[in-house]
N, C-alpha and C. Protein backbone atom coordinates (compact mmCIF):
# COMPACT_ATOMS: atom_id res chain seq x y z
N UNK A 1 21.03 -8.59 11.90
CA UNK A 1 20.03 -8.83 12.92
C UNK A 1 19.91 -7.56 13.78
N UNK A 2 18.67 -7.19 14.05
CA UNK A 2 18.43 -6.04 14.94
C UNK A 2 17.56 -6.49 16.12
N UNK A 3 17.78 -5.84 17.22
CA UNK A 3 16.99 -6.11 18.41
C UNK A 3 16.41 -4.81 18.93
N UNK A 4 15.21 -4.89 19.46
CA UNK A 4 14.60 -3.73 20.10
C UNK A 4 14.24 -4.14 21.53
N UNK A 5 14.61 -3.29 22.50
CA UNK A 5 14.28 -3.57 23.88
C UNK A 5 12.79 -3.28 24.08
N UNK A 6 12.02 -4.31 24.32
CA UNK A 6 10.57 -4.21 24.43
C UNK A 6 10.13 -3.80 25.84
N UNK A 7 10.63 -4.54 26.85
CA UNK A 7 10.16 -4.26 28.20
C UNK A 7 11.02 -5.00 29.23
N UNK A 8 10.83 -4.61 30.47
CA UNK A 8 11.39 -5.33 31.60
C UNK A 8 10.21 -6.04 32.26
N UNK A 9 10.37 -7.32 32.54
CA UNK A 9 9.31 -8.11 33.16
C UNK A 9 9.56 -8.20 34.66
N UNK A 10 8.55 -7.89 35.43
CA UNK A 10 8.62 -7.91 36.89
C UNK A 10 7.65 -8.95 37.40
N UNK A 11 8.16 -9.97 38.11
CA UNK A 11 7.28 -10.95 38.74
C UNK A 11 6.54 -10.27 39.89
N UNK A 12 5.26 -10.63 40.04
CA UNK A 12 4.44 -9.92 41.05
C UNK A 12 3.35 -10.84 41.58
N UNK A 13 3.09 -10.73 42.85
CA UNK A 13 1.97 -11.44 43.46
C UNK A 13 0.66 -10.85 42.95
N UNK A 14 0.60 -9.53 42.80
CA UNK A 14 -0.59 -8.83 42.32
C UNK A 14 -0.18 -7.89 41.19
N UNK A 15 -0.11 -8.39 39.95
CA UNK A 15 0.36 -7.57 38.82
C UNK A 15 -0.43 -6.27 38.62
N UNK A 16 -1.73 -6.31 38.81
CA UNK A 16 -2.53 -5.11 38.58
C UNK A 16 -2.19 -4.04 39.62
N UNK A 17 -2.17 -4.41 40.88
CA UNK A 17 -1.89 -3.43 41.94
C UNK A 17 -0.47 -2.86 41.80
N UNK A 18 0.51 -3.74 41.58
CA UNK A 18 1.88 -3.26 41.45
C UNK A 18 2.06 -2.44 40.17
N UNK A 19 1.45 -2.89 39.09
CA UNK A 19 1.53 -2.12 37.84
C UNK A 19 0.89 -0.75 37.97
N UNK A 20 -0.24 -0.69 38.65
CA UNK A 20 -0.87 0.62 38.86
C UNK A 20 0.00 1.50 39.75
N UNK A 21 0.66 0.93 40.73
CA UNK A 21 1.56 1.70 41.60
C UNK A 21 2.67 2.30 40.77
N UNK A 22 3.32 1.49 39.92
CA UNK A 22 4.42 2.01 39.09
C UNK A 22 3.92 2.98 38.05
N UNK A 23 2.75 2.76 37.47
CA UNK A 23 2.21 3.72 36.49
C UNK A 23 2.03 5.10 37.14
N UNK A 24 1.50 5.13 38.34
CA UNK A 24 1.35 6.39 39.04
C UNK A 24 2.69 6.98 39.44
N UNK A 25 3.61 6.15 39.91
CA UNK A 25 4.93 6.62 40.33
C UNK A 25 5.70 7.26 39.16
N UNK A 26 5.60 6.64 38.00
CA UNK A 26 6.36 7.10 36.83
C UNK A 26 5.58 8.06 35.93
N UNK A 27 4.25 8.12 36.12
CA UNK A 27 3.43 8.92 35.22
C UNK A 27 3.28 8.29 33.85
N UNK A 28 3.31 6.93 33.81
CA UNK A 28 3.21 6.19 32.57
C UNK A 28 1.77 5.77 32.31
N UNK A 29 1.50 5.26 31.11
CA UNK A 29 0.16 4.85 30.73
C UNK A 29 0.04 3.33 30.70
N UNK A 30 -1.15 2.85 30.96
CA UNK A 30 -1.44 1.42 30.91
C UNK A 30 -1.72 1.05 29.47
N UNK A 31 -1.05 0.00 28.97
CA UNK A 31 -1.31 -0.42 27.60
C UNK A 31 -1.94 -1.82 27.55
N UNK A 32 -1.91 -2.55 28.66
CA UNK A 32 -2.55 -3.87 28.70
C UNK A 32 -2.81 -4.22 30.17
N UNK A 33 -4.01 -4.70 30.42
CA UNK A 33 -4.36 -5.06 31.78
C UNK A 33 -5.21 -6.33 31.82
N UNK A 34 -4.71 -7.32 32.56
CA UNK A 34 -5.51 -8.49 32.87
C UNK A 34 -5.09 -8.96 34.25
N UNK A 35 -5.73 -9.97 34.78
CA UNK A 35 -5.40 -10.47 36.10
C UNK A 35 -3.98 -11.08 36.13
N UNK A 36 -3.52 -11.53 34.97
CA UNK A 36 -2.22 -12.19 34.90
C UNK A 36 -1.08 -11.30 34.45
N UNK A 37 -1.38 -10.26 33.67
CA UNK A 37 -0.34 -9.34 33.15
C UNK A 37 -0.85 -7.90 33.13
N UNK A 38 0.04 -7.01 33.46
CA UNK A 38 -0.29 -5.58 33.47
C UNK A 38 0.90 -4.86 32.87
N UNK A 39 0.72 -4.15 31.78
CA UNK A 39 1.83 -3.50 31.09
C UNK A 39 1.66 -1.98 31.04
N UNK A 40 2.78 -1.31 31.34
CA UNK A 40 2.79 0.16 31.28
C UNK A 40 3.96 0.60 30.40
N UNK A 41 3.80 1.79 29.83
CA UNK A 41 4.86 2.41 29.00
C UNK A 41 4.85 3.92 29.22
N UNK A 42 5.96 4.57 28.84
CA UNK A 42 6.01 6.02 28.96
C UNK A 42 4.90 6.70 28.15
N UNK A 43 4.63 6.17 26.98
CA UNK A 43 3.53 6.60 26.09
C UNK A 43 3.05 5.33 25.39
N UNK A 44 1.84 5.33 24.85
CA UNK A 44 1.30 4.07 24.28
C UNK A 44 2.21 3.39 23.28
N UNK A 45 2.91 4.14 22.43
CA UNK A 45 3.75 3.53 21.40
C UNK A 45 5.23 3.70 21.66
N UNK A 46 5.62 4.00 22.91
CA UNK A 46 7.04 4.23 23.22
C UNK A 46 7.57 3.10 24.09
N UNK A 47 8.71 2.58 23.70
CA UNK A 47 9.35 1.50 24.42
C UNK A 47 10.64 2.00 25.09
N UNK A 48 11.18 1.30 26.06
CA UNK A 48 10.66 0.06 26.63
C UNK A 48 9.58 0.33 27.68
N UNK A 49 8.89 -0.74 28.03
CA UNK A 49 7.85 -0.67 29.05
C UNK A 49 8.18 -1.59 30.21
N UNK A 50 7.26 -1.63 31.14
CA UNK A 50 7.34 -2.57 32.25
C UNK A 50 6.13 -3.50 32.18
N UNK A 51 6.38 -4.78 32.27
CA UNK A 51 5.31 -5.78 32.24
C UNK A 51 5.32 -6.51 33.58
N UNK A 52 4.21 -6.45 34.30
CA UNK A 52 4.09 -7.12 35.58
C UNK A 52 3.33 -8.41 35.36
N UNK A 53 3.97 -9.54 35.63
CA UNK A 53 3.35 -10.84 35.43
C UNK A 53 3.15 -11.56 36.76
N UNK A 54 2.13 -12.37 36.82
CA UNK A 54 1.78 -13.05 38.05
C UNK A 54 2.81 -14.10 38.42
N UNK A 55 3.21 -14.06 39.69
CA UNK A 55 4.10 -15.07 40.30
C UNK A 55 3.70 -15.15 41.75
N UNK A 56 3.18 -16.29 42.17
CA UNK A 56 2.64 -16.41 43.52
C UNK A 56 3.72 -16.56 44.59
N UNK A 57 4.98 -16.70 44.19
CA UNK A 57 6.05 -16.77 45.19
C UNK A 57 6.37 -15.40 45.72
N UNK A 58 6.81 -15.33 46.96
CA UNK A 58 7.15 -14.03 47.54
C UNK A 58 8.64 -13.77 47.35
N UNK A 59 8.98 -12.50 47.28
CA UNK A 59 10.37 -12.07 47.11
C UNK A 59 11.12 -12.35 48.41
N UNK A 60 12.32 -12.98 48.30
CA UNK A 60 13.06 -13.33 49.50
C UNK A 60 14.48 -12.77 49.55
N UNK A 61 15.02 -12.35 48.41
CA UNK A 61 16.39 -11.83 48.38
C UNK A 61 16.43 -10.53 47.58
N UNK A 62 17.55 -9.83 47.69
CA UNK A 62 17.77 -8.59 46.94
C UNK A 62 17.64 -8.87 45.44
N UNK A 63 17.04 -7.92 44.73
CA UNK A 63 16.91 -8.06 43.27
C UNK A 63 18.28 -8.12 42.62
N UNK A 64 18.41 -8.90 41.58
CA UNK A 64 19.64 -8.92 40.80
C UNK A 64 19.60 -7.89 39.68
N UNK A 65 18.44 -7.36 39.39
CA UNK A 65 18.24 -6.32 38.40
C UNK A 65 17.32 -5.30 39.03
N UNK A 66 17.64 -4.01 38.88
CA UNK A 66 16.78 -2.99 39.45
C UNK A 66 16.77 -1.77 38.55
N UNK A 67 15.83 -0.87 38.79
CA UNK A 67 15.73 0.36 38.03
C UNK A 67 16.47 1.47 38.74
N UNK A 68 17.15 2.30 37.99
CA UNK A 68 17.74 3.55 38.50
C UNK A 68 16.95 4.68 37.90
N UNK A 69 16.41 5.56 38.77
CA UNK A 69 15.62 6.70 38.31
C UNK A 69 16.36 7.98 38.65
N UNK A 70 16.43 8.93 37.71
CA UNK A 70 17.14 10.17 37.94
C UNK A 70 16.16 11.34 37.87
N UNK A 71 15.73 11.84 39.01
CA UNK A 71 14.78 12.96 39.03
C UNK A 71 15.50 14.32 38.96
N UNK A 72 14.76 15.36 38.77
CA UNK A 72 15.31 16.71 38.84
C UNK A 72 15.70 17.07 40.28
N UNK A 73 14.87 16.60 41.24
CA UNK A 73 15.11 16.93 42.65
C UNK A 73 14.99 15.62 43.46
N UNK A 74 16.13 15.07 43.86
CA UNK A 74 16.14 13.78 44.53
C UNK A 74 15.34 13.79 45.82
N UNK A 75 15.57 14.79 46.67
CA UNK A 75 14.86 14.83 47.96
C UNK A 75 13.34 14.88 47.78
N UNK A 76 12.89 15.72 46.88
CA UNK A 76 11.45 15.83 46.62
C UNK A 76 10.89 14.53 46.06
N UNK A 77 11.62 13.88 45.19
CA UNK A 77 11.13 12.65 44.58
C UNK A 77 11.10 11.52 45.60
N UNK A 78 12.11 11.41 46.44
CA UNK A 78 12.10 10.39 47.49
C UNK A 78 10.90 10.62 48.41
N UNK A 79 10.68 11.85 48.80
CA UNK A 79 9.55 12.18 49.67
C UNK A 79 8.23 11.79 49.00
N UNK A 80 8.07 12.10 47.69
CA UNK A 80 6.86 11.77 46.95
C UNK A 80 6.65 10.27 46.86
N UNK A 81 7.72 9.53 46.53
CA UNK A 81 7.60 8.06 46.40
C UNK A 81 7.30 7.39 47.71
N UNK A 82 7.92 7.85 48.80
CA UNK A 82 7.62 7.28 50.11
C UNK A 82 6.17 7.57 50.49
N UNK A 83 5.70 8.77 50.24
CA UNK A 83 4.29 9.09 50.51
C UNK A 83 3.36 8.24 49.64
N UNK A 84 3.84 7.80 48.48
CA UNK A 84 3.06 6.98 47.56
C UNK A 84 3.09 5.49 47.92
N UNK A 85 3.92 5.12 48.92
CA UNK A 85 3.95 3.72 49.35
C UNK A 85 5.28 3.03 49.24
N UNK A 86 6.30 3.68 48.73
CA UNK A 86 7.64 3.09 48.71
C UNK A 86 8.20 3.18 50.11
N UNK A 87 9.24 2.38 50.36
CA UNK A 87 9.90 2.47 51.65
C UNK A 87 11.42 2.45 51.43
N UNK A 88 12.12 3.11 52.34
CA UNK A 88 13.58 3.12 52.28
C UNK A 88 14.09 1.73 52.70
N UNK A 89 15.14 1.27 52.02
CA UNK A 89 15.71 -0.04 52.37
C UNK A 89 17.24 0.07 52.39
N UNK A 90 17.83 -0.79 53.19
CA UNK A 90 19.27 -0.87 53.28
C UNK A 90 19.68 -2.22 52.71
N UNK A 91 20.37 -2.17 51.59
CA UNK A 91 20.84 -3.41 50.96
C UNK A 91 22.37 -3.50 51.08
N UNK A 92 22.91 -2.73 52.04
CA UNK A 92 24.33 -2.70 52.26
C UNK A 92 25.06 -1.67 51.38
N UNK A 93 24.29 -0.69 50.90
CA UNK A 93 24.86 0.32 50.00
C UNK A 93 25.77 1.31 50.73
N UNK A 94 25.66 1.42 52.02
CA UNK A 94 26.48 2.40 52.75
C UNK A 94 26.05 3.81 52.43
N UNK A 95 26.95 4.77 52.65
CA UNK A 95 26.66 6.18 52.40
C UNK A 95 26.94 6.48 50.93
N UNK A 96 25.90 6.68 50.15
CA UNK A 96 26.00 6.91 48.70
C UNK A 96 25.21 8.13 48.30
N UNK A 97 25.39 8.56 47.06
CA UNK A 97 24.64 9.70 46.55
C UNK A 97 23.23 9.31 46.11
N UNK A 98 22.96 8.03 46.02
CA UNK A 98 21.62 7.58 45.61
C UNK A 98 20.87 7.07 46.86
N UNK A 99 19.54 6.97 46.70
CA UNK A 99 18.69 6.46 47.78
C UNK A 99 18.04 5.18 47.28
N UNK A 100 18.11 4.13 48.07
CA UNK A 100 17.47 2.88 47.70
C UNK A 100 16.11 2.80 48.34
N UNK A 101 15.11 2.58 47.51
CA UNK A 101 13.72 2.40 47.95
C UNK A 101 13.23 1.04 47.49
N UNK A 102 12.11 0.61 48.03
CA UNK A 102 11.45 -0.61 47.57
C UNK A 102 9.99 -0.29 47.31
N UNK A 103 9.46 -0.91 46.24
CA UNK A 103 8.04 -0.73 45.91
C UNK A 103 7.19 -1.54 46.90
N UNK A 104 5.86 -1.50 46.77
CA UNK A 104 5.00 -2.22 47.73
C UNK A 104 5.23 -3.72 47.81
N UNK A 105 5.83 -4.36 46.80
CA UNK A 105 6.12 -5.78 46.87
C UNK A 105 7.59 -6.05 47.22
N UNK A 106 8.33 -5.00 47.53
CA UNK A 106 9.71 -5.19 48.00
C UNK A 106 10.78 -5.12 46.94
N UNK A 107 10.43 -4.79 45.69
CA UNK A 107 11.43 -4.66 44.63
C UNK A 107 12.23 -3.38 44.80
N UNK A 108 13.56 -3.52 44.93
CA UNK A 108 14.39 -2.35 45.15
C UNK A 108 14.56 -1.55 43.85
N UNK A 109 14.69 -0.22 44.03
CA UNK A 109 15.05 0.66 42.93
C UNK A 109 15.80 1.84 43.54
N UNK A 110 16.57 2.53 42.72
CA UNK A 110 17.38 3.63 43.22
C UNK A 110 16.91 4.96 42.66
N UNK A 111 16.90 5.96 43.52
CA UNK A 111 16.62 7.34 43.12
C UNK A 111 17.98 8.05 43.16
N UNK A 112 18.48 8.38 41.99
CA UNK A 112 19.79 8.96 41.86
C UNK A 112 19.80 10.45 42.15
N UNK A 113 20.97 10.99 42.40
CA UNK A 113 21.14 12.42 42.55
C UNK A 113 21.44 13.06 41.21
N UNK A 114 21.87 14.32 41.25
CA UNK A 114 22.20 15.02 40.01
C UNK A 114 23.39 14.35 39.31
N UNK A 115 23.42 14.48 38.00
CA UNK A 115 24.59 14.00 37.26
C UNK A 115 25.78 14.85 37.70
N UNK A 116 26.97 14.28 37.66
CA UNK A 116 28.15 15.01 38.13
C UNK A 116 28.35 16.34 37.43
N UNK A 117 28.19 16.35 36.11
CA UNK A 117 28.41 17.61 35.35
C UNK A 117 27.38 18.66 35.73
N UNK A 118 26.14 18.23 36.08
CA UNK A 118 25.10 19.18 36.49
C UNK A 118 25.38 19.74 37.88
N UNK A 119 25.99 18.90 38.74
CA UNK A 119 26.24 19.28 40.11
C UNK A 119 27.41 20.26 40.22
N UNK A 120 28.29 20.29 39.23
CA UNK A 120 29.48 21.16 39.28
C UNK A 120 29.20 22.59 38.90
């Protein structure tokens, strides 16, 4: 038996708006768009992707699953994402090498620093 990781599904009040936000944030392409589902991928035929599906409930607690993103320049990327509509959030992480942000619907994600071997 083989398995292929197809996508991560994100519940969203507005799948199109949130999907477009993430597509711009990641530089990914839209592969499917409807009022109920919005799917993006790194490239049209490259997996995994992100699928934003409609859920009219609002987010009330910290995500149990989140994305970790590793940019070349953490400070520049945090600045870019905040200017794009993300916001800094405190989920009790304390003083860490990563920065926790939330997308426009409040889903947390982390912007990591350099890998240890690169930093040395």
